[in-house]
Amino acid sequence: MIQRIQTVYLLIVVLISGLLPFWVNLWSDAKGNEIYATNEILVSIVFYASAVLAMIAILLFKNRKNQFILNRLNLLLNLFLLGFFVYRSLNLSGGTSVSEKGIGMLIPVISIVFLVLANRAIKKDEDLVKSVDRLR
């Protein structure tokens, strides 16, 4: 389980989605208040759901097809979160007191990259098992 590279990728996704959004600010409003994931309930739930899906995918190491499907679902969830952040950043108030986007808005992008890498590794394992079965 842990010796496979996709487990490492998924563990990174668990750490990034489960811990990082609560330490790094997502954006700052016009008054200068930093907004974290704990301030936004919907964002917090989506980050926790992404971390839980990645943890469940780690535990499904024996069933690669279900692991692949769960990673795709997690990928869609992170794309939804990224779309929400883009929508939110485009609708932040402008003018003389400009709102700032935080580094936390890049967390879904990083998660998406590691989920794609994990899916590639799962696909490579599945192809290897199929090729070995053909030789029998």
Protein backbone atom coordinates (compact mmCIF):
# COMPACT_ATOMS: atom_id res chain seq x y z
CA MET A 1 0.00 0.00 0.00
CA ILE A 2 2.50 2.67 1.10
CA GLN A 3 5.20 1.47 -1.30
CA ARG A 4 3.11 2.55 -4.30
CA ILE A 5 3.68 6.08 -5.57
CA GLN A 6 -0.04 6.85 -5.90
CA THR A 7 -0.40 6.38 -2.15
CA VAL A 8 2.23 9.04 -1.59
CA TYR A 9 0.44 11.38 -4.02
CA LEU A 10 -2.89 10.78 -2.32
CA LEU A 11 -1.34 11.32 1.10
CA ILE A 12 -0.04 14.68 -0.12
CA VAL A 13 -3.58 15.53 -1.26
CA VAL A 14 -4.92 14.58 2.19
CA LEU A 15 -2.39 16.86 3.87
CA ILE A 16 -2.90 19.72 1.43
CA SER A 17 -6.70 19.61 1.50
CA GLY A 18 -7.09 18.69 5.15
CA LEU A 19 -4.62 21.01 6.86
CA LEU A 20 -3.30 23.76 4.60
CA PRO A 21 -6.53 25.74 3.96
CA PHE A 22 -6.91 26.35 7.67
CA TRP A 23 -3.40 27.85 8.05
CA VAL A 24 -3.13 29.81 4.79
CA ASN A 25 -5.54 32.64 4.03
CA LEU A 26 -7.77 32.24 1.01
CA TRP A 27 -8.33 35.94 0.40
CA SER A 28 -8.45 39.26 2.20
CA ASP A 29 -11.51 41.45 2.08
CA ALA A 30 -11.53 45.20 1.44
CA LYS A 31 -11.13 45.95 5.15
CA GLY A 32 -7.96 43.86 5.36
CA ASN A 33 -9.52 40.92 7.23
CA GLU A 34 -8.00 37.62 6.17
CA ILE A 35 -10.52 34.95 5.26
CA TYR A 36 -9.58 31.35 6.07
CA ALA A 37 -11.46 28.16 5.26
CA THR A 38 -12.86 28.12 8.79
CA ASN A 39 -14.69 31.39 8.08
CA GLU A 40 -16.51 29.94 5.05
CA ILE A 41 -18.55 26.85 5.96
CA LEU A 42 -19.13 25.63 2.38
CA VAL A 43 -15.44 25.95 1.49
CA SER A 44 -14.48 24.16 4.68
CA ILE A 45 -16.85 21.27 3.94
CA VAL A 46 -15.53 20.91 0.39
CA PHE A 47 -11.91 20.87 1.59
CA TYR A 48 -12.74 18.23 4.21
CA ALA A 49 -14.65 16.18 1.63
CA SER A 50 -11.64 16.27 -0.68
CA ALA A 51 -9.35 15.08 2.11
CA VAL A 52 -11.77 12.30 3.10
CA LEU A 53 -12.13 11.12 -0.51
CA ALA A 54 -8.35 10.96 -0.87
CA MET A 55 -8.07 8.99 2.39
CA ILE A 56 -10.75 6.54 1.24
CA ALA A 57 -8.91 6.17 -2.07
CA ILE A 58 -5.74 5.28 -0.14
CA LEU A 59 -7.64 2.57 1.72
CA LEU A 60 -8.99 1.14 -1.56
CA PHE A 61 -5.50 0.11 -2.69
CA LYS A 62 -6.65 -3.42 -3.53
CA ASN A 63 -9.38 -2.25 -5.90
CA ARG A 64 -7.64 -0.01 -8.42
CA LYS A 65 -10.74 0.66 -10.53
CA ASN A 66 -12.71 2.05 -7.59
CA GLN A 67 -9.65 4.01 -6.51
CA PHE A 68 -9.43 5.54 -9.99
CA ILE A 69 -13.14 6.46 -9.97
CA LEU A 70 -12.89 7.98 -6.49
CA ASN A 71 -9.92 10.06 -7.61
CA ARG A 72 -11.90 11.35 -10.58
CA LEU A 73 -14.74 12.31 -8.25
CA ASN A 74 -12.22 14.10 -6.04
CA LEU A 75 -10.83 15.81 -9.14
CA LEU A 76 -14.31 17.10 -10.01
CA LEU A 77 -14.76 18.32 -6.45
CA ASN A 78 -11.50 20.25 -6.62
CA LEU A 79 -12.44 21.68 -10.01
CA PHE A 80 -15.71 22.88 -8.47
CA LEU A 81 -13.76 24.48 -5.63
CA LEU A 82 -11.36 26.11 -8.09
CA GLY A 83 -14.30 27.45 -10.09
CA PHE A 84 -15.80 28.87 -6.90
CA PHE A 85 -12.51 30.60 -6.09
CA VAL A 86 -12.25 32.05 -9.59
CA TYR A 87 -15.84 33.29 -9.39
CA ARG A 88 -15.19 34.73 -5.95
CA SER A 89 -11.98 36.46 -7.02
CA LEU A 90 -13.66 38.01 -10.05
CA ASN A 91 -16.51 39.33 -7.92
CA LEU A 92 -14.44 40.78 -5.10
CA SER A 93 -15.00 44.46 -4.71
CA GLY A 94 -12.49 46.69 -6.43
CA GLY A 95 -11.89 50.39 -6.45
CA THR A 96 -9.65 52.31 -4.13
CA SER A 97 -9.58 49.61 -1.47
CA VAL A 98 -8.56 46.59 -3.54
CA SER A 99 -9.15 43.13 -2.10
CA GLU A 100 -6.24 40.74 -2.23
CA LYS A 101 -6.30 37.15 -3.29
CA GLY A 102 -4.52 34.80 -0.93
CA ILE A 103 -2.19 31.95 -1.72
CA GLY A 104 -4.86 29.57 -0.44
CA MET A 105 -6.73 29.90 -3.72
CA LEU A 106 -4.02 27.77 -5.33
CA ILE A 107 -4.65 24.79 -3.03
CA PRO A 108 -7.19 23.16 -5.40
CA VAL A 109 -4.72 23.52 -8.29
CA ILE A 110 -2.02 21.71 -6.31
CA SER A 111 -4.52 19.01 -5.30
CA ILE A 112 -5.60 18.57 -8.92
CA VAL A 113 -1.99 18.09 -10.02
CA PHE A 114 -1.37 15.39 -7.42
CA LEU A 115 -4.69 13.67 -8.18
CA VAL A 116 -3.79 13.52 -11.88
CA LEU A 117 -0.38 12.08 -10.99
CA ALA A 118 -2.06 9.48 -8.76
CA ASN A 119 -4.50 8.53 -11.52
CA ARG A 120 -1.61 8.09 -13.96
CA ALA A 121 0.16 5.79 -11.50
CA ILE A 122 -3.04 3.79 -10.91
CA LYS A 123 -3.54 3.44 -14.66
CA LYS A 124 0.06 2.30 -15.06
CA ASP A 125 -0.44 -0.35 -12.35
CA GLU A 126 -3.66 -1.53 -13.96
CA ASP A 127 -1.95 -1.83 -17.37
CA LEU A 128 0.90 -3.77 -15.78
CA VAL A 129 -1.50 -6.24 -14.15
CA LYS A 130 -3.37 -6.70 -17.45
CA SER A 131 -0.11 -7.36 -19.32
CA VAL A 132 0.98 -9.96 -16.77
CA ASP A 133 -2.44 -11.66 -17.01
CA ARG A 134 -2.04 -11.90 -20.79
CA LEU A 135 1.21 -13.83 -20.39
CA ARG A 136 -0.37 -16.57 -18.26
